[in-house]
Amino acid sequence: MTPATTSTTSRTAVYREGGYNSRAIQAVWWIVGFIDVLIAIRFVLKLFGANPAPFVRFMYDLTWPLVAPFHGIFNTTQEGRSILEPESLVAMAIYALIGWGIVSLIRLMSRPRSSTTVVD
């Protein structure tokens, strides 16, 4: 015969109230990424001296309001048709920093609160 043993187990349950608003965070990063890609296309088109085709004009017109606040910070260098536009690089960096700030604010405002319950 084997002796009877008693065992006790206790379980710990962790309940999370709220949570990061991941959809909002994803939306912010998607918008920032989209804006940065548009500005990067503008930068490359200017750098390679693209011909003023309809698509090129469309990209310049579309991205000008995004780059305009940073116009004049640095001198624009032109070599033939190629234009080095540093304000585009500054705009990309600033929009990425703004996105990071918004995401940090969302995480701060929707930080999960945990509570622990021990069940015997």
PDB file of N, CA and C in Angstrom:
ATOM      1  N   MET A   1       0.815  -1.171   0.000  1.00  0.00           N
ATOM      2  CA  MET A   1       0.000   0.000   0.000  1.00  0.00           C
ATOM      3  C   MET A   1       0.866   1.244   0.000  1.00  0.00           C
ATOM      4  N   THR A   2       0.439   2.218  -0.739  1.00  0.00           N
ATOM      5  CA  THR A   2       1.182   3.471  -0.775  1.00  0.00           C
ATOM      6  C   THR A   2       0.508   4.474   0.149  1.00  0.00           C
ATOM      7  N   PRO A   3       1.310   5.244   0.823  1.00  0.00           N
ATOM      8  CA  PRO A   3       0.709   6.226   1.731  1.00  0.00           C
ATOM      9  C   PRO A   3       0.018   7.336   0.948  1.00  0.00           C
ATOM     10  N   ALA A   4      -1.031   7.821   1.502  1.00  0.00           N
ATOM     11  CA  ALA A   4      -1.785   8.913   0.877  1.00  0.00           C
ATOM     12  C   ALA A   4      -1.059  10.232   1.144  1.00  0.00           C
ATOM     13  N   THR A   5      -0.897  10.995   0.097  1.00  0.00           N
ATOM     14  CA  THR A   5      -0.261  12.307   0.257  1.00  0.00           C
ATOM     15  C   THR A   5      -1.261  13.385  -0.103  1.00  0.00           C
ATOM     16  N   THR A   6      -1.128  14.460   0.582  1.00  0.00           N
ATOM     17  CA  THR A   6      -1.991  15.595   0.239  1.00  0.00           C
ATOM     18  C   THR A   6      -1.115  16.671  -0.379  1.00  0.00           C
ATOM     19  N   SER A   7      -1.640  17.255  -1.356  1.00  0.00           N
ATOM     20  CA  SER A   7      -0.900  18.345  -1.989  1.00  0.00           C
ATOM     21  C   SER A   7      -1.804  19.558  -2.109  1.00  0.00           C
ATOM     22  N   THR A   8      -1.194  20.688  -1.949  1.00  0.00           N
ATOM     23  CA  THR A   8      -1.948  21.927  -2.122  1.00  0.00           C
ATOM     24  C   THR A   8      -1.274  22.725  -3.217  1.00  0.00           C
ATOM     25  N   THR A   9      -2.062  23.308  -4.028  1.00  0.00           N
ATOM     26  CA  THR A   9      -1.542  24.176  -5.081  1.00  0.00           C
ATOM     27  C   THR A   9      -2.223  25.524  -4.970  1.00  0.00           C
ATOM     28  N   SER A  10      -1.482  26.499  -5.258  1.00  0.00           N
ATOM     29  CA  SER A  10      -2.078  27.830  -5.329  1.00  0.00           C
ATOM     30  C   SER A  10      -1.771  28.386  -6.713  1.00  0.00           C
ATOM     31  N   ARG A  11      -2.689  29.080  -7.234  1.00  0.00           N
ATOM     32  CA  ARG A  11      -2.538  29.662  -8.564  1.00  0.00           C
ATOM     33  C   ARG A  11      -2.539  31.177  -8.450  1.00  0.00           C
ATOM     34  N   THR A  12      -1.756  31.779  -9.272  1.00  0.00           N
ATOM     35  CA  THR A  12      -1.708  33.237  -9.319  1.00  0.00           C
ATOM     36  C   THR A  12      -2.256  33.676 -10.669  1.00  0.00           C
ATOM     37  N   ALA A  13      -3.208  34.533 -10.624  1.00  0.00           N
ATOM     38  CA  ALA A  13      -3.799  35.042 -11.857  1.00  0.00           C
ATOM     39  C   ALA A  13      -3.456  36.530 -11.965  1.00  0.00           C
ATOM     40  N   VAL A  14      -3.031  36.920 -13.123  1.00  0.00           N
ATOM     41  CA  VAL A  14      -2.722  38.325 -13.376  1.00  0.00           C
ATOM     42  C   VAL A  14      -3.766  38.863 -14.338  1.00  0.00           C
ATOM     43  N   TYR A  15      -4.435  39.909 -13.909  1.00  0.00           N
ATOM     44  CA  TYR A  15      -5.462  40.529 -14.743  1.00  0.00           C
ATOM     45  C   TYR A  15      -4.947  41.867 -15.210  1.00  0.00           C
ATOM     46  N   ARG A  16      -5.067  42.090 -16.474  1.00  0.00           N
ATOM     47  CA  ARG A  16      -4.639  43.371 -17.036  1.00  0.00           C
ATOM     48  C   ARG A  16      -5.854  44.214 -17.330  1.00  0.00           C
ATOM     49  N   GLU A  17      -5.811  45.417 -16.830  1.00  0.00           N
ATOM     50  CA  GLU A  17      -6.876  46.364 -17.124  1.00  0.00           C
ATOM     51  C   GLU A  17      -6.386  47.284 -18.240  1.00  0.00           C
ATOM     52  N   GLY A  18      -7.133  47.376 -19.280  1.00  0.00           N
ATOM     53  CA  GLY A  18      -6.724  48.215 -20.401  1.00  0.00           C
ATOM     54  C   GLY A  18      -5.580  47.560 -21.145  1.00  0.00           C
ATOM     55  N   GLY A  19      -4.799  48.322 -21.771  1.00  0.00           N
ATOM     56  CA  GLY A  19      -3.656  47.834 -22.527  1.00  0.00           C
ATOM     57  C   GLY A  19      -3.256  48.917 -23.495  1.00  0.00           C
ATOM     58  N   TYR A  20      -2.101  48.728 -24.088  1.00  0.00           N
ATOM     59  CA  TYR A  20      -1.683  49.701 -25.076  1.00  0.00           C
ATOM     60  C   TYR A  20      -2.689  49.713 -26.213  1.00  0.00           C
ATOM     61  N   ASN A  21      -2.944  50.873 -26.720  1.00  0.00           N
ATOM     62  CA  ASN A  21      -3.848  50.998 -27.849  1.00  0.00           C
ATOM     63  C   ASN A  21      -3.045  50.711 -29.115  1.00  0.00           C
ATOM     64  N   SER A  22      -2.875  49.421 -29.403  1.00  0.00           N
ATOM     65  CA  SER A  22      -1.978  49.022 -30.487  1.00  0.00           C
ATOM     66  C   SER A  22      -2.484  49.467 -31.855  1.00  0.00           C
ATOM     67  N   ARG A  23      -3.765  49.550 -32.046  1.00  0.00           N
ATOM     68  CA  ARG A  23      -4.294  50.014 -33.341  1.00  0.00           C
ATOM     69  C   ARG A  23      -3.904  51.466 -33.591  1.00  0.00           C
ATOM     70  N   ALA A  24      -4.010  52.298 -32.573  1.00  0.00           N
ATOM     71  CA  ALA A  24      -3.638  53.704 -32.725  1.00  0.00           C
ATOM     72  C   ALA A  24      -2.139  53.835 -32.985  1.00  0.00           C
ATOM     73  N   ILE A  25      -1.350  53.030 -32.283  1.00  0.00           N
ATOM     74  CA  ILE A  25       0.100  53.059 -32.478  1.00  0.00           C
ATOM     75  C   ILE A  25       0.449  52.625 -33.895  1.00  0.00           C
ATOM     76  N   GLN A  26      -0.186  51.562 -34.371  1.00  0.00           N
ATOM     77  CA  GLN A  26       0.052  51.106 -35.742  1.00  0.00           C
ATOM     78  C   GLN A  26      -0.356  52.162 -36.751  1.00  0.00           C
ATOM     79  N   ALA A  27      -1.465  52.833 -36.506  1.00  0.00           N
ATOM     80  CA  ALA A  27      -1.931  53.880 -37.427  1.00  0.00           C
ATOM     81  C   ALA A  27      -0.945  55.042 -37.474  1.00  0.00           C
ATOM     82  N   VAL A  28      -0.431  55.448 -36.323  1.00  0.00           N
ATOM     83  CA  VAL A  28       0.541  56.552 -36.294  1.00  0.00           C
ATOM     84  C   VAL A  28       1.783  56.172 -37.081  1.00  0.00           C
ATOM     85  N   TRP A  29       2.330  54.969 -36.837  1.00  0.00           N
ATOM     86  CA  TRP A  29       3.550  54.560 -37.543  1.00  0.00           C
ATOM     87  C   TRP A  29       3.295  54.385 -39.036  1.00  0.00           C
ATOM     88  N   TRP A  30       2.097  53.934 -39.416  1.00  0.00           N
ATOM     89  CA  TRP A  30       1.776  53.790 -40.835  1.00  0.00           C
ATOM     90  C   TRP A  30       1.760  55.158 -41.509  1.00  0.00           C
ATOM     91  N   ILE A  31       1.122  56.133 -40.869  1.00  0.00           N
ATOM     92  CA  ILE A  31       1.048  57.481 -41.442  1.00  0.00           C
ATOM     93  C   ILE A  31       2.438  58.095 -41.548  1.00  0.00           C
ATOM     94  N   VAL A  32       3.238  57.975 -40.485  1.00  0.00           N
ATOM     95  CA  VAL A  32       4.601  58.520 -40.506  1.00  0.00           C
ATOM     96  C   VAL A  32       5.433  57.839 -41.595  1.00  0.00           C
ATOM     97  N   GLY A  33       5.310  56.523 -41.693  1.00  0.00           N
ATOM     98  CA  GLY A  33       6.049  55.796 -42.729  1.00  0.00           C
ATOM     99  C   GLY A  33       5.643  56.223 -44.123  1.00  0.00           C
ATOM    100  N   PHE A  34       4.350  56.417 -44.336  1.00  0.00           N
ATOM    101  CA  PHE A  34       3.846  56.836 -45.641  1.00  0.00           C
ATOM    102  C   PHE A  34       4.384  58.219 -46.008  1.00  0.00           C
ATOM    103  N   ILE A  35       4.340  59.142 -45.052  1.00  0.00           N
ATOM    104  CA  ILE A  35       4.851  60.498 -45.296  1.00  0.00           C
ATOM    105  C   ILE A  35       6.346  60.452 -45.591  1.00  0.00           C
ATOM    106  N   ASP A  36       7.086  59.677 -44.800  1.00  0.00           N
ATOM    107  CA  ASP A  36       8.534  59.590 -45.019  1.00  0.00           C
ATOM    108  C   ASP A  36       8.882  58.958 -46.361  1.00  0.00           C
ATOM    109  N   VAL A  37       8.113  57.984 -46.800  1.00  0.00           N
ATOM    110  CA  VAL A  37       8.360  57.371 -48.112  1.00  0.00           C
ATOM    111  C   VAL A  37       8.106  58.382 -49.229  1.00  0.00           C
ATOM    112  N   LEU A  38       7.038  59.150 -49.116  1.00  0.00           N
ATOM    113  CA  LEU A  38       6.765  60.177 -50.130  1.00  0.00           C
ATOM    114  C   LEU A  38       7.899  61.195 -50.204  1.00  0.00           C
ATOM    115  N   ILE A  39       8.371  61.632 -49.043  1.00  0.00           N
ATOM    116  CA  ILE A  39       9.464  62.610 -49.028  1.00  0.00           C
ATOM    117  C   ILE A  39      10.751  61.977 -49.551  1.00  0.00           C
ATOM    118  N   ALA A  40      10.985  60.708 -49.245  1.00  0.00           N
ATOM    119  CA  ALA A  40      12.179  60.023 -49.754  1.00  0.00           C
ATOM    120  C   ALA A  40      12.141  59.919 -51.276  1.00  0.00           C
ATOM    121  N   ILE A  41      10.974  59.664 -51.836  1.00  0.00           N
ATOM    122  CA  ILE A  41      10.834  59.630 -53.298  1.00  0.00           C
ATOM    123  C   ILE A  41      11.165  61.003 -53.873  1.00  0.00           C
ATOM    124  N   ARG A  42      10.658  62.054 -53.229  1.00  0.00           N
ATOM    125  CA  ARG A  42      10.966  63.421 -53.675  1.00  0.00           C
ATOM    126  C   ARG A  42      12.476  63.650 -53.652  1.00  0.00           C
ATOM    127  N   PHE A  43      13.129  63.252 -52.559  1.00  0.00           N
ATOM    128  CA  PHE A  43      14.571  63.445 -52.403  1.00  0.00           C
ATOM    129  C   PHE A  43      15.344  62.747 -53.512  1.00  0.00           C
ATOM    130  N   VAL A  44      14.977  61.507 -53.799  1.00  0.00           N
ATOM    131  CA  VAL A  44      15.674  60.728 -54.835  1.00  0.00           C
ATOM    132  C   VAL A  44      15.432  61.330 -56.218  1.00  0.00           C
ATOM    133  N   LEU A  45      14.204  61.739 -56.500  1.00  0.00           N
ATOM    134  CA  LEU A  45      13.908  62.353 -57.801  1.00  0.00           C
ATOM    135  C   LEU A  45      14.718  63.633 -58.002  1.00  0.00           C
ATOM    136  N   LYS A  46      14.801  64.455 -56.965  1.00  0.00           N
ATOM    137  CA  LYS A  46      15.590  65.690 -57.067  1.00  0.00           C
ATOM    138  C   LYS A  46      17.078  65.378 -57.199  1.00  0.00           C
ATOM    139  N   LEU A  47      17.552  64.392 -56.410  1.00  0.00           N
ATOM    140  CA  LEU A  47      18.974  64.053 -56.420  1.00  0.00           C
ATOM    141  C   LEU A  47      19.428  63.537 -57.777  1.00  0.00           C
ATOM    142  N   PHE A  48      18.571  62.750 -58.443  1.00  0.00           N
ATOM    143  CA  PHE A  48      18.925  62.202 -59.743  1.00  0.00           C
ATOM    144  C   PHE A  48      18.513  63.111 -60.897  1.00  0.00           C
ATOM    145  N   GLY A  49      17.955  64.275 -60.598  1.00  0.00           N
ATOM    146  CA  GLY A  49      17.606  65.238 -61.647  1.00  0.00           C
ATOM    147  C   GLY A  49      16.540  64.716 -62.583  1.00  0.00           C
ATOM    148  N   ALA A  50      15.452  64.216 -62.036  1.00  0.00           N
ATOM    149  CA  ALA A  50      14.386  63.624 -62.854  1.00  0.00           C
ATOM    150  C   ALA A  50      13.775  64.654 -63.802  1.00  0.00           C
ATOM    151  N   ASN A  51      13.424  64.186 -64.994  1.00  0.00           N
ATOM    152  CA  ASN A  51      12.737  65.043 -65.968  1.00  0.00           C
ATOM    153  C   ASN A  51      11.367  65.420 -65.418  1.00  0.00           C
ATOM    154  N   PRO A  52      10.851  66.593 -65.786  1.00  0.00           N
ATOM    155  CA  PRO A  52       9.554  67.029 -65.245  1.00  0.00           C
ATOM    156  C   PRO A  52       8.363  66.307 -65.885  1.00  0.00           C
ATOM    157  N   ALA A  53       8.343  65.009 -65.768  1.00  0.00           N
ATOM    158  CA  ALA A  53       7.212  64.200 -66.250  1.00  0.00           C
ATOM    159  C   ALA A  53       6.013  64.419 -65.315  1.00  0.00           C
ATOM    160  N   PRO A  54       4.818  64.032 -65.748  1.00  0.00           N
ATOM    161  CA  PRO A  54       3.638  64.245 -64.893  1.00  0.00           C
ATOM    162  C   PRO A  54       3.755  63.615 -63.504  1.00  0.00           C
ATOM    163  N   PHE A  55       4.321  62.411 -63.419  1.00  0.00           N
ATOM    164  CA  PHE A  55       4.471  61.773 -62.109  1.00  0.00           C
ATOM    165  C   PHE A  55       5.422  62.573 -61.219  1.00  0.00           C
ATOM    166  N   VAL A  56       6.497  63.050 -61.802  1.00  0.00           N
ATOM    167  CA  VAL A  56       7.491  63.814 -61.033  1.00  0.00           C
ATOM    168  C   VAL A  56       6.864  65.111 -60.529  1.00  0.00           C
ATOM    169  N   ARG A  57       6.157  65.810 -61.397  1.00  0.00           N
ATOM    170  CA  ARG A  57       5.480  67.047 -60.974  1.00  0.00           C
ATOM    171  C   ARG A  57       4.452  66.757 -59.887  1.00  0.00           C
ATOM    172  N   PHE A  58       3.726  65.647 -60.039  1.00  0.00           N
ATOM    173  CA  PHE A  58       2.739  65.252 -59.032  1.00  0.00           C
ATOM    174  C   PHE A  58       3.416  65.020 -57.677  1.00  0.00           C
ATOM    175  N   MET A  59       4.545  64.317 -57.669  1.00  0.00           N
ATOM    176  CA  MET A  59       5.259  64.054 -56.418  1.00  0.00           C
ATOM    177  C   MET A  59       5.771  65.347 -55.787  1.00  0.00           C
ATOM    178  N   TYR A  60       6.303  66.253 -56.611  1.00  0.00           N
ATOM    179  CA  TYR A  60       6.781  67.531 -56.080  1.00  0.00           C
ATOM    180  C   TYR A  60       5.625  68.340 -55.489  1.00  0.00           C
ATOM    181  N   ASP A  61       4.504  68.381 -56.195  1.00  0.00           N
ATOM    182  CA  ASP A  61       3.338  69.134 -55.700  1.00  0.00           C
ATOM    183  C   ASP A  61       2.758  68.506 -54.436  1.00  0.00           C
ATOM    184  N   LEU A  62       2.757  67.185 -54.387  1.00  0.00           N
ATOM    185  CA  LEU A  62       2.195  66.478 -53.234  1.00  0.00           C
ATOM    186  C   LEU A  62       3.053  66.655 -51.990  1.00  0.00           C
ATOM    187  N   THR A  63       4.359  66.642 -52.160  1.00  0.00           N
ATOM    188  CA  THR A  63       5.246  66.686 -51.007  1.00  0.00           C
ATOM    189  C   THR A  63       5.687  68.095 -50.612  1.00  0.00           C
ATOM    190  N   TRP A  64       5.446  69.081 -51.464  1.00  0.00           N
ATOM    191  CA  TRP A  64       5.881  70.432 -51.132  1.00  0.00           C
ATOM    192  C   TRP A  64       5.317  70.928 -49.796  1.00  0.00           C
ATOM    193  N   PRO A  65       4.020  70.746 -49.489  1.00  0.00           N
ATOM    194  CA  PRO A  65       3.518  71.212 -48.184  1.00  0.00           C
ATOM    195  C   PRO A  65       4.188  70.520 -46.998  1.00  0.00           C
ATOM    196  N   LEU A  66       4.690  69.307 -47.206  1.00  0.00           N
ATOM    197  CA  LEU A  66       5.358  68.588 -46.124  1.00  0.00           C
ATOM    198  C   LEU A  66       6.787  69.065 -45.911  1.00  0.00           C
ATOM    199  N   VAL A  67       7.428  69.532 -46.980  1.00  0.00           N
ATOM    200  CA  VAL A  67       8.825  69.952 -46.919  1.00  0.00           C
ATOM    201  C   VAL A  67       8.943  71.466 -46.718  1.00  0.00           C
ATOM    202  N   ALA A  68       7.932  72.217 -47.095  1.00  0.00           N
ATOM    203  CA  ALA A  68       7.986  73.683 -47.063  1.00  0.00           C
ATOM    204  C   ALA A  68       8.373  74.268 -45.701  1.00  0.00           C
ATOM    205  N   PRO A  69       7.885  73.738 -44.577  1.00  0.00           N
ATOM    206  CA  PRO A  69       8.288  74.337 -43.294  1.00  0.00           C
ATOM    207  C   PRO A  69       9.790  74.280 -43.024  1.00  0.00           C
ATOM    208  N   PHE A  70      10.493  73.400 -43.700  1.00  0.00           N
ATOM    209  CA  PHE A  70      11.917  73.219 -43.469  1.00  0.00           C
ATOM    210  C   PHE A  70      12.766  73.844 -44.585  1.00  0.00           C
ATOM    211  N   HIS A  71      12.111  74.481 -45.543  1.00  0.00           N
ATOM    212  CA  HIS A  71      12.820  75.098 -46.662  1.00  0.00           C
ATOM    213  C   HIS A  71      13.623  76.297 -46.167  1.00  0.00           C
ATOM    214  N   GLY A  72      14.861  76.366 -46.593  1.00  0.00           N
ATOM    215  CA  GLY A  72      15.703  77.488 -46.223  1.00  0.00           C
ATOM    216  C   GLY A  72      16.582  77.244 -45.006  1.00  0.00           C
ATOM    217  N   ILE A  73      16.419  76.097 -44.339  1.00  0.00           N
ATOM    218  CA  ILE A  73      17.280  75.800 -43.192  1.00  0.00           C
ATOM    219  C   ILE A  73      18.724  75.624 -43.658  1.00  0.00           C
ATOM    220  N   PHE A  74      18.888  74.897 -44.750  1.00  0.00           N
ATOM    221  CA  PHE A  74      20.206  74.673 -45.334  1.00  0.00           C
ATOM    222  C   PHE A  74      20.195  75.184 -46.768  1.00  0.00           C
ATOM    223  N   ASN A  75      21.372  75.430 -47.301  1.00  0.00           N
ATOM    224  CA  ASN A  75      21.477  75.805 -48.706  1.00  0.00           C
ATOM    225  C   ASN A  75      21.260  74.581 -49.574  1.00  0.00           C
ATOM    226  N   THR A  76      20.523  74.764 -50.645  1.00  0.00           N
ATOM    227  CA  THR A  76      20.296  73.692 -51.603  1.00  0.00           C
ATOM    228  C   THR A  76      21.419  73.716 -52.624  1.00  0.00           C
ATOM    229  N   THR A  77      22.048  72.565 -52.814  1.00  0.00           N
ATOM    230  CA  THR A  77      23.163  72.462 -53.741  1.00  0.00           C
ATOM    231  C   THR A  77      22.679  71.876 -55.054  1.00  0.00           C
ATOM    232  N   GLN A  78      23.079  72.512 -56.177  1.00  0.00           N
ATOM    233  CA  GLN A  78      22.690  72.018 -57.489  1.00  0.00           C
ATOM    234  C   GLN A  78      23.936  71.810 -58.328  1.00  0.00           C
ATOM    235  N   GLU A  79      24.016  70.647 -58.937  1.00  0.00           N
ATOM    236  CA  GLU A  79      25.109  70.295 -59.838  1.00  0.00           C
ATOM    237  C   GLU A  79      24.463  69.788 -61.125  1.00  0.00           C
ATOM    238  N   GLY A  80      24.406  70.624 -62.133  1.00  0.00           N
ATOM    239  CA  GLY A  80      23.684  70.261 -63.357  1.00  0.00           C
ATOM    240  C   GLY A  80      22.198  70.197 -63.054  1.00  0.00           C
ATOM    241  N   ARG A  81      21.595  69.069 -63.332  1.00  0.00           N
ATOM    242  CA  ARG A  81      20.163  68.887 -63.027  1.00  0.00           C
ATOM    243  C   ARG A  81      19.949  68.269 -61.657  1.00  0.00           C
ATOM    244  N   SER A  82      20.996  67.743 -61.079  1.00  0.00           N
ATOM    245  CA  SER A  82      20.907  67.086 -59.776  1.00  0.00           C
ATOM    246  C   SER A  82      20.851  68.127 -58.657  1.00  0.00           C
ATOM    247  N   ILE A  83      19.889  67.962 -57.759  1.00  0.00           N
ATOM    248  CA  ILE A  83      19.697  68.900 -56.654  1.00  0.00           C
ATOM    249  C   ILE A  83      19.742  68.125 -55.344  1.00  0.00           C
ATOM    250  N   LEU A  84      20.643  68.539 -54.458  1.00  0.00           N
ATOM    251  CA  LEU A  84      20.687  67.974 -53.108  1.00  0.00           C
ATOM    252  C   LEU A  84      19.812  68.849 -52.230  1.00  0.00           C
ATOM    253  N   GLU A  85      18.722  68.268 -51.756  1.00  0.00           N
ATOM    254  CA  GLU A  85      17.727  69.015 -50.988  1.00  0.00           C
ATOM    255  C   GLU A  85      17.738  68.532 -49.536  1.00  0.00           C
ATOM    256  N   PRO A  86      18.565  69.114 -48.678  1.00  0.00           N
ATOM    257  CA  PRO A  86      18.662  68.633 -47.303  1.00  0.00           C
ATOM    258  C   PRO A  86      17.392  68.858 -46.485  1.00  0.00           C
ATOM    259  N   GLU A  87      16.553  69.802 -46.889  1.00  0.00           N
ATOM    260  CA  GLU A  87      15.313  69.995 -46.129  1.00  0.00           C
ATOM    261  C   GLU A  87      14.404  68.777 -46.186  1.00  0.00           C
ATOM    262  N   SER A  88      14.533  67.972 -47.248  1.00  0.00           N
ATOM    263  CA  SER A  88      13.768  66.728 -47.307  1.00  0.00           C
ATOM    264  C   SER A  88      14.236  65.757 -46.233  1.00  0.00           C
ATOM    265  N   LEU A  89      15.532  65.662 -46.033  1.00  0.00           N
ATOM    266  CA  LEU A  89      16.069  64.778 -44.998  1.00  0.00           C
ATOM    267  C   LEU A  89      15.677  65.267 -43.609  1.00  0.00           C
ATOM    268  N   VAL A  90      15.719  66.587 -43.414  1.00  0.00           N
ATOM    269  CA  VAL A  90      15.308  67.154 -42.128  1.00  0.00           C
ATOM    270  C   VAL A  90      13.828  66.875 -41.885  1.00  0.00           C
ATOM    271  N   ALA A  91      13.005  67.046 -42.911  1.00  0.00           N
ATOM    272  CA  ALA A  91      11.568  66.788 -42.776  1.00  0.00           C
ATOM    273  C   ALA A  91      11.311  65.341 -42.393  1.00  0.00           C
ATOM    274  N   MET A  92      12.012  64.410 -43.031  1.00  0.00           N
ATOM    275  CA  MET A  92      11.827  62.991 -42.691  1.00  0.00           C
ATOM    276  C   MET A  92      12.186  62.729 -41.238  1.00  0.00           C
ATOM    277  N   ALA A  93      13.280  63.299 -40.774  1.00  0.00           N
ATOM    278  CA  ALA A  93      13.703  63.098 -39.386  1.00  0.00           C
ATOM    279  C   ALA A  93      12.712  63.723 -38.406  1.00  0.00           C
ATOM    280  N   ILE A  94      12.245  64.923 -38.704  1.00  0.00           N
ATOM    281  CA  ILE A  94      11.309  65.607 -37.806  1.00  0.00           C
ATOM    282  C   ILE A  94       9.980  64.864 -37.745  1.00  0.00           C
ATOM    283  N   TYR A  95       9.469  64.401 -38.882  1.00  0.00           N
ATOM    284  CA  TYR A  95       8.208  63.652 -38.860  1.00  0.00           C
ATOM    285  C   TYR A  95       8.353  62.332 -38.116  1.00  0.00           C
ATOM    286  N   ALA A  96       9.506  61.686 -38.226  1.00  0.00           N
ATOM    287  CA  ALA A  96       9.744  60.461 -37.452  1.00  0.00           C
ATOM    288  C   ALA A  96       9.771  60.769 -35.952  1.00  0.00           C
ATOM    289  N   LEU A  97      10.398  61.871 -35.564  1.00  0.00           N
ATOM    290  CA  LEU A  97      10.421  62.260 -34.146  1.00  0.00           C
ATOM    291  C   LEU A  97       9.026  62.620 -33.637  1.00  0.00           C
ATOM    292  N   ILE A  98       8.251  63.292 -34.459  1.00  0.00           N
ATOM    293  CA  ILE A  98       6.870  63.615 -34.071  1.00  0.00           C
ATOM    294  C   ILE A  98       6.069  62.330 -33.884  1.00  0.00           C
ATOM    295  N   GLY A  99       6.228  61.374 -34.805  1.00  0.00           N
ATOM    296  CA  GLY A  99       5.542  60.086 -34.671  1.00  0.00           C
ATOM    297  C   GLY A  99       5.955  59.361 -33.408  1.00  0.00           C
ATOM    298  N   TRP A 100       7.255  59.370 -33.104  1.00  0.00           N
ATOM    299  CA  TRP A 100       7.744  58.724 -31.893  1.00  0.00           C
ATOM    300  C   TRP A 100       7.129  59.383 -30.655  1.00  0.00           C
ATOM    301  N   GLY A 101       7.035  60.705 -30.673  1.00  0.00           N
ATOM    302  CA  GLY A 101       6.428  61.412 -29.550  1.00  0.00           C
ATOM    303  C   GLY A 101       4.957  61.074 -29.372  1.00  0.00           C
ATOM    304  N   ILE A 102       4.223  60.996 -30.471  1.00  0.00           N
ATOM    305  CA  ILE A 102       2.796  60.654 -30.396  1.00  0.00           C
ATOM    306  C   ILE A 102       2.617  59.235 -29.880  1.00  0.00           C
ATOM    307  N   VAL A 103       3.437  58.299 -30.373  1.00  0.00           N
ATOM    308  CA  VAL A 103       3.347  56.910 -29.913  1.00  0.00           C
ATOM    309  C   VAL A 103       3.695  56.825 -28.428  1.00  0.00           C
ATOM    310  N   SER A 104       4.703  57.544 -27.994  1.00  0.00           N
ATOM    311  CA  SER A 104       5.062  57.547 -26.570  1.00  0.00           C
ATOM    312  C   SER A 104       3.919  58.099 -25.724  1.00  0.00           C
ATOM    313  N   LEU A 105       3.264  59.128 -26.212  1.00  0.00           N
ATOM    314  CA  LEU A 105       2.127  59.698 -25.498  1.00  0.00           C
ATOM    315  C   LEU A 105       0.968  58.709 -25.426  1.00  0.00           C
ATOM    316  N   ILE A 106       0.699  58.008 -26.515  1.00  0.00           N
ATOM    317  CA  ILE A 106      -0.367  56.994 -26.517  1.00  0.00           C
ATOM    318  C   ILE A 106      -0.040  55.899 -25.506  1.00  0.00           C
ATOM    319  N   ARG A 107       1.216  55.447 -25.493  1.00  0.00           N
ATOM    320  CA  ARG A 107       1.611  54.398 -24.542  1.00  0.00           C
ATOM    321  C   ARG A 107       1.513  54.894 -23.106  1.00  0.00           C
ATOM    322  N   LEU A 108       1.871  56.136 -22.870  1.00  0.00           N
ATOM    323  CA  LEU A 108       1.790  56.692 -21.525  1.00  0.00           C
ATOM    324  C   LEU A 108       0.341  56.809 -21.069  1.00  0.00           C
ATOM    325  N   MET A 109      -0.521  57.251 -21.961  1.00  0.00           N
ATOM    326  CA  MET A 109      -1.927  57.452 -21.601  1.00  0.00           C
ATOM    327  C   MET A 109      -2.696  56.143 -21.466  1.00  0.00           C
ATOM    328  N   SER A 110      -2.253  55.101 -22.163  1.00  0.00           N
ATOM    329  CA  SER A 110      -2.987  53.828 -22.113  1.00  0.00           C
ATOM    330  C   SER A 110      -2.129  52.716 -21.524  1.00  0.00           C
ATOM    331  N   ARG A 111      -1.249  53.084 -20.586  1.00  0.00           N
ATOM    332  CA  ARG A 111      -0.372  52.094 -19.949  1.00  0.00           C
ATOM    333  C   ARG A 111      -1.219  51.069 -19.214  1.00  0.00           C
ATOM    334  N   PRO A 112      -0.922  49.778 -19.388  1.00  0.00           N
ATOM    335  CA  PRO A 112      -1.716  48.754 -18.700  1.00  0.00           C
ATOM    336  C   PRO A 112      -1.442  48.769 -17.196  1.00  0.00           C
ATOM    337  N   ARG A 113      -2.500  48.556 -16.449  1.00  0.00           N
ATOM    338  CA  ARG A 113      -2.387  48.425 -15.010  1.00  0.00           C
ATOM    339  C   ARG A 113      -2.632  46.965 -14.677  1.00  0.00           C
ATOM    340  N   SER A 114      -1.740  46.379 -13.917  1.00  0.00           N
ATOM    341  CA  SER A 114      -1.867  44.956 -13.575  1.00  0.00           C
ATOM    342  C   SER A 114      -2.284  44.830 -12.126  1.00  0.00           C
ATOM    343  N   SER A 115      -3.089  43.811 -11.860  1.00  0.00           N
ATOM    344  CA  SER A 115      -3.425  43.465 -10.481  1.00  0.00           C
ATOM    345  C   SER A 115      -3.228  41.959 -10.341  1.00  0.00           C
ATOM    346  N   THR A 116      -2.684  41.544  -9.218  1.00  0.00           N
ATOM    347  CA  THR A 116      -2.387  40.132  -8.996  1.00  0.00           C
ATOM    348  C   THR A 116      -3.324  39.586  -7.947  1.00  0.00           C
ATOM    349  N   THR A 117      -3.896  38.429  -8.203  1.00  0.00           N
ATOM    350  CA  THR A 117      -4.788  37.774  -7.270  1.00  0.00           C
ATOM    351  C   THR A 117      -4.261  36.360  -7.016  1.00  0.00           C
ATOM    352  N   VAL A 118      -4.130  36.005  -5.746  1.00  0.00           N
ATOM    353  CA  VAL A 118      -3.695  34.656  -5.391  1.00  0.00           C
ATOM    354  C   VAL A 118      -4.920  33.865  -4.999  1.00  0.00           C
ATOM    355  N   VAL A 119      -5.104  32.738  -5.664  1.00  0.00           N
ATOM    356  CA  VAL A 119      -6.249  31.876  -5.420  1.00  0.00           C
ATOM    357  C   VAL A 119      -5.724  30.598  -4.760  1.00  0.00           C
ATOM    358  N   ASP A 120      -6.274  30.248  -3.612  1.00  0.00           N
ATOM    359  CA  ASP A 120      -5.866  28.997  -2.945  1.00  0.00           C
ATOM    360  C   ASP A 120      -6.790  27.861  -3.274  1.00  0.00           C
TER     361      ASP A 120
END
